[in-house]
Amino acid sequence: MTVPTVGALRVNGATLHYEVRGRGPLLLLIPGGAGGAAAFDGIADDLAAEHTVATYDPRGMSRSTLDDPEAEQSVAEHADDALRILELLSPDEPARVFGSSSGAIAALHLLTTRPERIERLVAHEPPVVEVLPDAPEHRALIARVQATFHGEGLMPAMAVFAAGLKKDGAAPTEPKADGIELPPQAAARAERTMANLPYFVGRIVPSFMSYAPDVHRLEALSDRLVLACGQDSHGELPYRPAAFLAEHLGTELRDFPGGHTGLTTHPAEFGEALRKAFQGAE
């Protein structure tokens, strides 16, 4: 794996850790969930053959610190963080942007508010559940997650959240890792992800999943928006908003390898699908 150039960027209320690889037009990768820049380790090198690839830890996660550790989070502020990185690394040209999950929500907001900074956005399963006809059910889910988190703790809340995301309401099964020793870099990434979970569940989930995108604005910008979903996540909650938006906007919904976490489970295939999405290839 290529060793990236590492930087720190001061933004409003936080210091962002970012990493840069490659040469060429800028491609900004915005992570979702409790991951950070390391979520893209499996695809960044390949993409850097054609782009200057920038990744970063969202504010409050991993190596990106908050001035006030208790500060509430907003989609608009996270989108502004992405804008600051674009302005730093590509001040004169619009950039390509990829966002996954909650990162895709921030990217959608950035597209609607500063479209001149984005050449093309690929948004993978942004859980903007407010666009769905059954949005009240999903508000109730988020309320249950928060009540469980504050009343019973992190892991019970994660179980409620995971069950609510599945098509049949059943919590996904995870492969057993007993007896498996991870390489040092993977172990460090897993440790950071676990450390980020309370912040993600307590402050990112309720804020981001109550966000309603400006659909009329997205209609006007649909020529530079690619909506993507996992081949294995049809019918699941993170899949449905992207499918709904694609139908509403009259645009193609692209299938990417794997499910909601295809970036991790199928990195080579996922990276190739992303490259083709930016090229407009079939």
C-alpha atoms as a PDB file:
ATOM      1  CA  MET A   1       0.000   0.000   0.000  1.00  0.00           C
ATOM      2  CA  THR A   2       1.236   3.496  -0.909  1.00  0.00           C
ATOM      3  CA  VAL A   3       2.160   5.654   2.066  1.00  0.00           C
ATOM      4  CA  PRO A   4      -0.040   8.762   1.803  1.00  0.00           C
ATOM      5  CA  THR A   5       0.920  12.335   2.515  1.00  0.00           C
ATOM      6  CA  VAL A   6      -0.748  13.262   5.803  1.00  0.00           C
ATOM      7  CA  GLY A   7      -2.041  16.696   6.798  1.00  0.00           C
ATOM      8  CA  ALA A   8      -4.089  18.497   9.422  1.00  0.00           C
ATOM      9  CA  LEU A   9      -6.673  21.129   8.500  1.00  0.00           C
ATOM     10  CA  ARG A  10      -8.227  23.571  10.945  1.00  0.00           C
ATOM     11  CA  VAL A  11     -11.956  24.019  10.379  1.00  0.00           C
ATOM     12  CA  ASN A  12     -14.715  25.539  12.465  1.00  0.00           C
ATOM     13  CA  GLY A  13     -14.598  23.774  15.826  1.00  0.00           C
ATOM     14  CA  ALA A  14     -12.329  20.906  14.772  1.00  0.00           C
ATOM     15  CA  THR A  15      -9.017  19.786  13.294  1.00  0.00           C
ATOM     16  CA  LEU A  16      -9.324  17.320  10.415  1.00  0.00           C
ATOM     17  CA  HIS A  17      -6.828  14.552   9.693  1.00  0.00           C
ATOM     18  CA  TYR A  18      -6.568  14.035   5.935  1.00  0.00           C
ATOM     19  CA  GLU A  19      -4.463  11.922   3.586  1.00  0.00           C
ATOM     20  CA  VAL A  20      -3.511  12.403  -0.071  1.00  0.00           C
ATOM     21  CA  ARG A  21      -2.265   9.892  -2.673  1.00  0.00           C
ATOM     22  CA  GLY A  22      -1.605   9.945  -6.401  1.00  0.00           C
ATOM     23  CA  ARG A  23      -1.644  12.588  -9.110  1.00  0.00           C
ATOM     24  CA  GLY A  24      -4.313  14.007 -11.376  1.00  0.00           C
ATOM     25  CA  PRO A  25      -7.734  15.568 -10.842  1.00  0.00           C
ATOM     26  CA  LEU A  26      -8.949  15.533  -7.252  1.00  0.00           C
ATOM     27  CA  LEU A  27     -11.190  12.715  -6.022  1.00  0.00           C
ATOM     28  CA  LEU A  28     -12.479  13.242  -2.482  1.00  0.00           C
ATOM     29  CA  LEU A  29     -13.681  10.121  -0.637  1.00  0.00           C
ATOM     30  CA  ILE A  30     -16.044  10.805   2.288  1.00  0.00           C
ATOM     31  CA  PRO A  31     -16.403   7.870   4.696  1.00  0.00           C
ATOM     32  CA  GLY A  32     -19.567   6.832   6.484  1.00  0.00           C
ATOM     33  CA  GLY A  33     -20.440   5.020   9.681  1.00  0.00           C
ATOM     34  CA  ALA A  34     -17.791   4.826  12.385  1.00  0.00           C
ATOM     35  CA  GLY A  35     -14.975   4.537   9.880  1.00  0.00           C
ATOM     36  CA  GLY A  36     -12.519   7.163   8.751  1.00  0.00           C
ATOM     37  CA  ALA A  37      -9.877   7.584   6.084  1.00  0.00           C
ATOM     38  CA  ALA A  38      -8.771   3.975   6.648  1.00  0.00           C
ATOM     39  CA  ALA A  39     -12.110   2.753   5.278  1.00  0.00           C
ATOM     40  CA  PHE A  40     -10.728   3.484   1.816  1.00  0.00           C
ATOM     41  CA  ASP A  41      -7.386   1.699   2.200  1.00  0.00           C
ATOM     42  CA  GLY A  42      -8.631  -1.127  -0.041  1.00  0.00           C
ATOM     43  CA  ILE A  43      -9.426   1.144  -3.020  1.00  0.00           C
ATOM     44  CA  ALA A  44      -7.388   4.343  -2.637  1.00  0.00           C
ATOM     45  CA  ASP A  45      -4.180   3.079  -4.266  1.00  0.00           C
ATOM     46  CA  ASP A  46      -5.933   1.823  -7.405  1.00  0.00           C
ATOM     47  CA  LEU A  47      -7.891   5.057  -7.771  1.00  0.00           C
ATOM     48  CA  ALA A  48      -4.701   7.061  -7.246  1.00  0.00           C
ATOM     49  CA  ALA A  49      -3.408   5.762 -10.578  1.00  0.00           C
ATOM     50  CA  GLU A  50      -5.744   8.289 -12.243  1.00  0.00           C
ATOM     51  CA  HIS A  51      -6.557  10.803  -9.483  1.00  0.00           C
ATOM     52  CA  THR A  52      -5.219  12.758  -6.591  1.00  0.00           C
ATOM     53  CA  VAL A  53      -7.173  10.827  -3.965  1.00  0.00           C
ATOM     54  CA  ALA A  54      -8.017  12.607  -0.713  1.00  0.00           C
ATOM     55  CA  THR A  55      -9.472  10.821   2.297  1.00  0.00           C
ATOM     56  CA  TYR A  56     -10.097  12.060   5.818  1.00  0.00           C
ATOM     57  CA  ASP A  57     -11.482  11.251   9.243  1.00  0.00           C
ATOM     58  CA  PRO A  58     -14.783  13.104   9.798  1.00  0.00           C
ATOM     59  CA  ARG A  59     -14.770  15.544  12.687  1.00  0.00           C
ATOM     60  CA  GLY A  60     -14.923  13.818  16.060  1.00  0.00           C
ATOM     61  CA  MET A  61     -13.762  10.463  14.695  1.00  0.00           C
ATOM     62  CA  SER A  62     -10.382   8.747  14.898  1.00  0.00           C
ATOM     63  CA  ARG A  63      -7.685  11.369  14.379  1.00  0.00           C
ATOM     64  CA  SER A  64      -9.973  14.372  13.678  1.00  0.00           C
ATOM     65  CA  THR A  65     -10.520  16.104  16.991  1.00  0.00           C
ATOM     66  CA  LEU A  66     -13.299  18.389  18.181  1.00  0.00           C
ATOM     67  CA  ASP A  67     -12.532  21.563  20.102  1.00  0.00           C
ATOM     68  CA  ASP A  68     -15.585  20.729  22.231  1.00  0.00           C
ATOM     69  CA  PRO A  69     -15.880  16.927  22.576  1.00  0.00           C
ATOM     70  CA  GLU A  70     -19.566  17.299  23.514  1.00  0.00           C
ATOM     71  CA  ALA A  71     -20.517  19.451  20.525  1.00  0.00           C
ATOM     72  CA  GLU A  72     -23.679  18.512  18.656  1.00  0.00           C
ATOM     73  CA  GLN A  73     -23.187  17.470  15.032  1.00  0.00           C
ATOM     74  CA  SER A  74     -24.930  18.633  11.871  1.00  0.00           C
ATOM     75  CA  VAL A  75     -24.927  17.554   8.249  1.00  0.00           C
ATOM     76  CA  ALA A  76     -24.262  21.126   7.141  1.00  0.00           C
ATOM     77  CA  GLU A  77     -21.109  21.399   9.252  1.00  0.00           C
ATOM     78  CA  HIS A  78     -19.775  18.036   8.048  1.00  0.00           C
ATOM     79  CA  ALA A  79     -20.477  19.108   4.445  1.00  0.00           C
ATOM     80  CA  ASP A  80     -18.587  22.330   5.079  1.00  0.00           C
ATOM     81  CA  ASP A  81     -15.612  20.275   6.287  1.00  0.00           C
ATOM     82  CA  ALA A  82     -15.584  18.476   2.930  1.00  0.00           C
ATOM     83  CA  LEU A  83     -15.797  21.831   1.164  1.00  0.00           C
ATOM     84  CA  ARG A  84     -12.749  23.090   3.065  1.00  0.00           C
ATOM     85  CA  ILE A  85     -10.740  20.086   1.892  1.00  0.00           C
ATOM     86  CA  LEU A  86     -11.852  20.699  -1.698  1.00  0.00           C
ATOM     87  CA  GLU A  87     -10.813  24.336  -1.449  1.00  0.00           C
ATOM     88  CA  LEU A  88      -7.441  23.354  -0.012  1.00  0.00           C
ATOM     89  CA  LEU A  89      -6.582  20.658  -2.541  1.00  0.00           C
ATOM     90  CA  SER A  90      -8.417  21.826  -5.678  1.00  0.00           C
ATOM     91  CA  PRO A  91      -8.979  25.577  -5.317  1.00  0.00           C
ATOM     92  CA  ASP A  92      -9.408  26.281  -9.020  1.00  0.00           C
ATOM     93  CA  GLU A  93     -11.241  23.222 -10.357  1.00  0.00           C
ATOM     94  CA  PRO A  94     -14.367  21.278  -9.344  1.00  0.00           C
ATOM     95  CA  ALA A  95     -13.636  17.805  -8.007  1.00  0.00           C
ATOM     96  CA  ARG A  96     -15.069  14.344  -8.146  1.00  0.00           C
ATOM     97  CA  VAL A  97     -16.610  13.223  -4.848  1.00  0.00           C
ATOM     98  CA  PHE A  98     -17.642   9.856  -3.476  1.00  0.00           C
ATOM     99  CA  GLY A  99     -19.641   9.488  -0.277  1.00  0.00           C
ATOM    100  CA  SER A 100     -20.735   6.323   1.489  1.00  0.00           C
ATOM    101  CA  SER A 101     -23.659   6.036   3.910  1.00  0.00           C
ATOM    102  CA  SER A 102     -23.605   9.024   6.291  1.00  0.00           C
ATOM    103  CA  GLY A 103     -20.726  10.391   4.216  1.00  0.00           C
ATOM    104  CA  ALA A 104     -23.040  10.327   1.207  1.00  0.00           C
ATOM    105  CA  ILE A 105     -25.548  12.432   3.151  1.00  0.00           C
ATOM    106  CA  ALA A 106     -22.899  15.093   3.755  1.00  0.00           C
ATOM    107  CA  ALA A 107     -21.954  14.884   0.077  1.00  0.00           C
ATOM    108  CA  LEU A 108     -25.567  15.386  -1.058  1.00  0.00           C
ATOM    109  CA  HIS A 109     -25.790  18.520   1.089  1.00  0.00           C
ATOM    110  CA  LEU A 110     -22.522  19.786  -0.381  1.00  0.00           C
ATOM    111  CA  LEU A 111     -23.829  19.211  -3.906  1.00  0.00           C
ATOM    112  CA  THR A 112     -27.040  21.150  -3.252  1.00  0.00           C
ATOM    113  CA  THR A 113     -25.296  24.082  -1.541  1.00  0.00           C
ATOM    114  CA  ARG A 114     -22.019  24.364  -3.491  1.00  0.00           C
ATOM    115  CA  PRO A 115     -22.573  22.598  -6.810  1.00  0.00           C
ATOM    116  CA  GLU A 116     -19.837  24.595  -8.524  1.00  0.00           C
ATOM    117  CA  ARG A 117     -17.261  22.657  -6.451  1.00  0.00           C
ATOM    118  CA  ILE A 118     -18.406  19.220  -7.645  1.00  0.00           C
ATOM    119  CA  GLU A 119     -17.894  17.822 -11.126  1.00  0.00           C
ATOM    120  CA  ARG A 120     -19.620  14.520 -10.328  1.00  0.00           C
ATOM    121  CA  LEU A 121     -20.849  12.922  -7.114  1.00  0.00           C
ATOM    122  CA  VAL A 122     -21.313   9.200  -6.553  1.00  0.00           C
ATOM    123  CA  ALA A 123     -23.504   8.676  -3.485  1.00  0.00           C
ATOM    124  CA  HIS A 124     -23.602   5.091  -2.176  1.00  0.00           C
ATOM    125  CA  GLU A 125     -26.671   4.250  -0.074  1.00  0.00           C
ATOM    126  CA  PRO A 126     -27.215   7.594   1.681  1.00  0.00           C
ATOM    127  CA  PRO A 127     -29.813   6.764   4.402  1.00  0.00           C
ATOM    128  CA  VAL A 128     -31.888   9.914   3.867  1.00  0.00           C
ATOM    129  CA  VAL A 129     -34.979   8.174   5.186  1.00  0.00           C
ATOM    130  CA  GLU A 130     -36.970  11.432   5.326  1.00  0.00           C
ATOM    131  CA  VAL A 131     -37.603  11.122   1.568  1.00  0.00           C
ATOM    132  CA  LEU A 132     -39.474   7.823   2.042  1.00  0.00           C
ATOM    133  CA  PRO A 133     -43.269   7.567   2.318  1.00  0.00           C
ATOM    134  CA  ASP A 134     -42.889   5.604   5.570  1.00  0.00           C
ATOM    135  CA  ALA A 135     -40.464   8.107   7.134  1.00  0.00           C
ATOM    136  CA  PRO A 136     -42.393   8.183  10.478  1.00  0.00           C
ATOM    137  CA  GLU A 137     -41.525   4.512  11.038  1.00  0.00           C
ATOM    138  CA  HIS A 138     -37.851   5.270  10.659  1.00  0.00           C
ATOM    139  CA  ARG A 139     -38.044   8.252  12.995  1.00  0.00           C
ATOM    140  CA  ALA A 140     -39.448   5.837  15.543  1.00  0.00           C
ATOM    141  CA  LEU A 141     -36.532   3.469  14.913  1.00  0.00           C
ATOM    142  CA  ILE A 142     -33.990   6.221  15.569  1.00  0.00           C
ATOM    143  CA  ALA A 143     -35.850   7.175  18.754  1.00  0.00           C
ATOM    144  CA  ARG A 144     -35.671   3.542  19.907  1.00  0.00           C
ATOM    145  CA  VAL A 145     -31.960   3.406  19.150  1.00  0.00           C
ATOM    146  CA  GLN A 146     -31.340   6.546  21.187  1.00  0.00           C
ATOM    147  CA  ALA A 147     -33.483   5.368  24.088  1.00  0.00           C
ATOM    148  CA  THR A 148     -31.664   2.030  24.125  1.00  0.00           C
ATOM    149  CA  PHE A 149     -28.271   3.705  23.881  1.00  0.00           C
ATOM    150  CA  HIS A 150     -28.919   5.991  26.839  1.00  0.00           C
ATOM    151  CA  GLY A 151     -30.762   3.383  28.850  1.00  0.00           C
ATOM    152  CA  GLU A 152     -28.914   0.132  28.165  1.00  0.00           C
ATOM    153  CA  GLY A 153     -25.647   1.053  26.457  1.00  0.00           C
ATOM    154  CA  LEU A 154     -23.858   0.823  23.135  1.00  0.00           C
ATOM    155  CA  MET A 155     -24.137  -2.815  22.081  1.00  0.00           C
ATOM    156  CA  PRO A 156     -27.901  -3.184  22.789  1.00  0.00           C
ATOM    157  CA  ALA A 157     -28.430   0.038  20.808  1.00  0.00           C
ATOM    158  CA  MET A 158     -26.326  -1.329  17.934  1.00  0.00           C
ATOM    159  CA  ALA A 159     -28.454  -4.473  17.907  1.00  0.00           C
ATOM    160  CA  VAL A 160     -31.665  -2.404  17.651  1.00  0.00           C
ATOM    161  CA  PHE A 161     -30.130  -0.274  14.908  1.00  0.00           C
ATOM    162  CA  ALA A 162     -28.833  -3.236  12.890  1.00  0.00           C
ATOM    163  CA  ALA A 163     -32.187  -5.021  13.087  1.00  0.00           C
ATOM    164  CA  GLY A 164     -33.980  -1.893  11.889  1.00  0.00           C
ATOM    165  CA  LEU A 165     -31.738  -1.611   8.853  1.00  0.00           C
ATOM    166  CA  LYS A 166     -32.425  -5.152   7.635  1.00  0.00           C
ATOM    167  CA  LYS A 167     -35.254  -5.975   5.253  1.00  0.00           C
ATOM    168  CA  ASP A 168     -36.822  -8.554   7.576  1.00  0.00           C
ATOM    169  CA  GLY A 169     -35.956  -6.834  10.844  1.00  0.00           C
ATOM    170  CA  ALA A 170     -33.413  -9.490  11.782  1.00  0.00           C
ATOM    171  CA  ALA A 171     -29.996  -8.431  12.934  1.00  0.00           C
ATOM    172  CA  PRO A 172     -27.262  -9.332  10.450  1.00  0.00           C
ATOM    173  CA  THR A 173     -24.961 -12.156  11.340  1.00  0.00           C
ATOM    174  CA  GLU A 174     -21.286 -11.324  11.578  1.00  0.00           C
ATOM    175  CA  PRO A 175     -18.512 -13.804  10.915  1.00  0.00           C
ATOM    176  CA  LYS A 176     -16.751 -15.037  14.023  1.00  0.00           C
ATOM    177  CA  ALA A 177     -13.272 -13.654  14.533  1.00  0.00           C
ATOM    178  CA  ASP A 178     -12.301 -15.894  17.443  1.00  0.00           C
ATOM    179  CA  GLY A 179      -8.704 -17.030  17.219  1.00  0.00           C
ATOM    180  CA  ILE A 180      -7.906 -14.721  14.283  1.00  0.00           C
ATOM    181  CA  GLU A 181      -5.065 -12.292  14.823  1.00  0.00           C
ATOM    182  CA  LEU A 182      -5.386  -9.213  12.633  1.00  0.00           C
ATOM    183  CA  PRO A 183      -2.363  -7.556  11.017  1.00  0.00           C
ATOM    184  CA  PRO A 184      -1.252  -4.514  13.041  1.00  0.00           C
ATOM    185  CA  GLN A 185      -2.724  -1.956  10.621  1.00  0.00           C
ATOM    186  CA  ALA A 186      -6.093  -3.747  10.452  1.00  0.00           C
ATOM    187  CA  ALA A 187      -6.134  -4.155  14.232  1.00  0.00           C
ATOM    188  CA  ALA A 188      -5.513  -0.435  14.703  1.00  0.00           C
ATOM    189  CA  ARG A 189      -8.301   0.393  12.261  1.00  0.00           C
ATOM    190  CA  ALA A 190     -10.718  -1.944  14.075  1.00  0.00           C
ATOM    191  CA  GLU A 191      -9.780  -0.393  17.405  1.00  0.00           C
ATOM    192  CA  ARG A 192     -10.456   3.128  16.105  1.00  0.00           C
ATOM    193  CA  THR A 193     -13.789   2.060  14.629  1.00  0.00           C
ATOM    194  CA  MET A 194     -14.934   0.584  17.927  1.00  0.00           C
ATOM    195  CA  ALA A 195     -13.822   3.726  19.762  1.00  0.00           C
ATOM    196  CA  ASN A 196     -15.895   5.837  17.328  1.00  0.00           C
ATOM    197  CA  LEU A 197     -19.133   3.888  17.811  1.00  0.00           C
ATOM    198  CA  PRO A 198     -20.545   5.779  20.828  1.00  0.00           C
ATOM    199  CA  TYR A 199     -20.067   9.089  19.028  1.00  0.00           C
ATOM    200  CA  PHE A 200     -21.559   7.666  15.827  1.00  0.00           C
ATOM    201  CA  VAL A 201     -24.633   6.207  17.520  1.00  0.00           C
ATOM    202  CA  GLY A 202     -25.210   9.082  19.895  1.00  0.00           C
ATOM    203  CA  ARG A 203     -24.605  12.085  17.662  1.00  0.00           C
ATOM    204  CA  ILE A 204     -24.224  11.152  13.980  1.00  0.00           C
ATOM    205  CA  VAL A 205     -27.151   8.753  13.601  1.00  0.00           C
ATOM    206  CA  PRO A 206     -29.912  10.998  15.044  1.00  0.00           C
ATOM    207  CA  SER A 207     -28.661  14.101  13.250  1.00  0.00           C
ATOM    208  CA  PHE A 208     -27.932  12.609   9.848  1.00  0.00           C
ATOM    209  CA  MET A 209     -30.949  10.310   9.608  1.00  0.00           C
ATOM    210  CA  SER A 210     -33.302  13.184  10.373  1.00  0.00           C
ATOM    211  CA  TYR A 211     -31.819  15.201   7.498  1.00  0.00           C
ATOM    212  CA  ALA A 212     -34.112  15.896   4.539  1.00  0.00           C
ATOM    213  CA  PRO A 213     -32.246  16.698   1.307  1.00  0.00           C
ATOM    214  CA  ASP A 214     -33.431  19.444  -1.025  1.00  0.00           C
ATOM    215  CA  VAL A 215     -34.999  17.164  -3.630  1.00  0.00           C
ATOM    216  CA  HIS A 216     -35.944  20.017  -5.958  1.00  0.00           C
ATOM    217  CA  ARG A 217     -32.343  21.180  -5.954  1.00  0.00           C
ATOM    218  CA  LEU A 218     -31.170  17.634  -6.659  1.00  0.00           C
ATOM    219  CA  GLU A 219     -33.519  17.530  -9.653  1.00  0.00           C
ATOM    220  CA  ALA A 220     -31.719  20.530 -11.125  1.00  0.00           C
ATOM    221  CA  LEU A 221     -28.338  18.901 -10.460  1.00  0.00           C
ATOM    222  CA  SER A 222     -29.182  15.322 -11.407  1.00  0.00           C
ATOM    223  CA  ASP A 223     -26.802  15.365 -14.384  1.00  0.00           C
ATOM    224  CA  ARG A 224     -23.817  15.313 -12.003  1.00  0.00           C
ATOM    225  CA  LEU A 225     -25.267  12.907  -9.409  1.00  0.00           C
ATOM    226  CA  VAL A 226     -24.862   9.120  -9.530  1.00  0.00           C
ATOM    227  CA  LEU A 227     -26.875   7.131  -7.007  1.00  0.00           C
ATOM    228  CA  ALA A 228     -25.510   3.695  -6.160  1.00  0.00           C
ATOM    229  CA  CYS A 229     -26.635   0.745  -4.037  1.00  0.00           C
ATOM    230  CA  GLY A 230     -25.317  -2.648  -3.052  1.00  0.00           C
ATOM    231  CA  GLN A 231     -26.261  -5.686  -5.116  1.00  0.00           C
ATOM    232  CA  ASP A 232     -26.852  -7.585  -1.876  1.00  0.00           C
ATOM    233  CA  SER A 233     -28.855  -4.958   0.011  1.00  0.00           C
ATOM    234  CA  HIS A 234     -32.025  -4.727  -2.090  1.00  0.00           C
ATOM    235  CA  GLY A 235     -34.968  -3.829   0.136  1.00  0.00           C
ATOM    236  CA  GLU A 236     -32.888  -2.916   3.176  1.00  0.00           C
ATOM    237  CA  LEU A 237     -33.327   0.498   4.724  1.00  0.00           C
ATOM    238  CA  PRO A 238     -30.075   2.118   3.495  1.00  0.00           C
ATOM    239  CA  TYR A 239     -30.875   0.951  -0.059  1.00  0.00           C
ATOM    240  CA  ARG A 240     -34.391   2.366  -0.236  1.00  0.00           C
ATOM    241  CA  PRO A 241     -33.747   6.147  -0.170  1.00  0.00           C
ATOM    242  CA  ALA A 242     -31.231   5.965  -3.004  1.00  0.00           C
ATOM    243  CA  ALA A 243     -33.621   3.835  -5.051  1.00  0.00           C
ATOM    244  CA  PHE A 244     -36.467   6.257  -4.299  1.00  0.00           C
ATOM    245  CA  LEU A 245     -34.379   9.272  -5.312  1.00  0.00           C
ATOM    246  CA  ALA A 246     -33.155   7.628  -8.521  1.00  0.00           C
ATOM    247  CA  GLU A 247     -36.726   6.884  -9.559  1.00  0.00           C
ATOM    248  CA  HIS A 248     -37.906  10.360  -8.585  1.00  0.00           C
ATOM    249  CA  LEU A 249     -35.061  12.054 -10.450  1.00  0.00           C
ATOM    250  CA  GLY A 250     -35.358   9.760 -13.464  1.00  0.00           C
ATOM    251  CA  THR A 251     -31.722   8.679 -13.192  1.00  0.00           C
ATOM    252  CA  GLU A 252     -29.988   5.330 -13.246  1.00  0.00           C
ATOM    253  CA  LEU A 253     -29.467   3.465  -9.989  1.00  0.00           C
ATOM    254  CA  ARG A 254     -26.092   1.734 -10.180  1.00  0.00           C
ATOM    255  CA  ASP A 255     -25.467  -1.617  -8.533  1.00  0.00           C
ATOM    256  CA  PHE A 256     -22.190  -1.864  -6.639  1.00  0.00           C
ATOM    257  CA  PRO A 257     -20.673  -5.134  -5.367  1.00  0.00           C
ATOM    258  CA  GLY A 258     -21.698  -6.407  -1.944  1.00  0.00           C
ATOM    259  CA  GLY A 259     -24.174  -4.790   0.386  1.00  0.00           C
ATOM    260  CA  HIS A 260     -24.096  -1.609   2.442  1.00  0.00           C
ATOM    261  CA  THR A 261     -20.499  -2.383   3.439  1.00  0.00           C
ATOM    262  CA  GLY A 262     -19.374  -3.548  -0.005  1.00  0.00           C
ATOM    263  CA  LEU A 263     -16.464  -1.127   0.186  1.00  0.00           C
ATOM    264  CA  THR A 264     -15.007  -3.351   2.920  1.00  0.00           C
ATOM    265  CA  THR A 265     -16.160  -6.791   1.778  1.00  0.00           C
ATOM    266  CA  HIS A 266     -15.427  -6.398  -1.969  1.00  0.00           C
ATOM    267  CA  PRO A 267     -12.810  -3.623  -2.218  1.00  0.00           C
ATOM    268  CA  ALA A 268     -11.310  -4.459  -5.627  1.00  0.00           C
ATOM    269  CA  GLU A 269     -14.691  -4.863  -7.335  1.00  0.00           C
ATOM    270  CA  PHE A 270     -16.106  -1.841  -5.515  1.00  0.00           C
ATOM    271  CA  GLY A 271     -13.205   0.348  -6.608  1.00  0.00           C
ATOM    272  CA  GLU A 272     -13.661  -0.728 -10.227  1.00  0.00           C
ATOM    273  CA  ALA A 273     -17.399   0.038 -10.080  1.00  0.00           C
ATOM    274  CA  LEU A 274     -16.597   3.468  -8.669  1.00  0.00           C
ATOM    275  CA  ARG A 275     -14.064   4.161 -11.397  1.00  0.00           C
ATOM    276  CA  LYS A 276     -16.629   3.264 -14.054  1.00  0.00           C
ATOM    277  CA  ALA A 277     -19.267   5.433 -12.377  1.00  0.00           C
ATOM    278  CA  PHE A 278     -17.006   8.443 -12.681  1.00  0.00           C
ATOM    279  CA  GLN A 279     -16.222   7.599 -16.283  1.00  0.00           C
ATOM    280  CA  GLY A 280     -19.902   7.185 -17.081  1.00  0.00           C
ATOM    281  CA  ALA A 281     -19.111   3.652 -18.306  1.00  0.00           C
ATOM    282  CA  GLU A 282     -21.578   0.808 -18.227  1.00  0.00           C
END
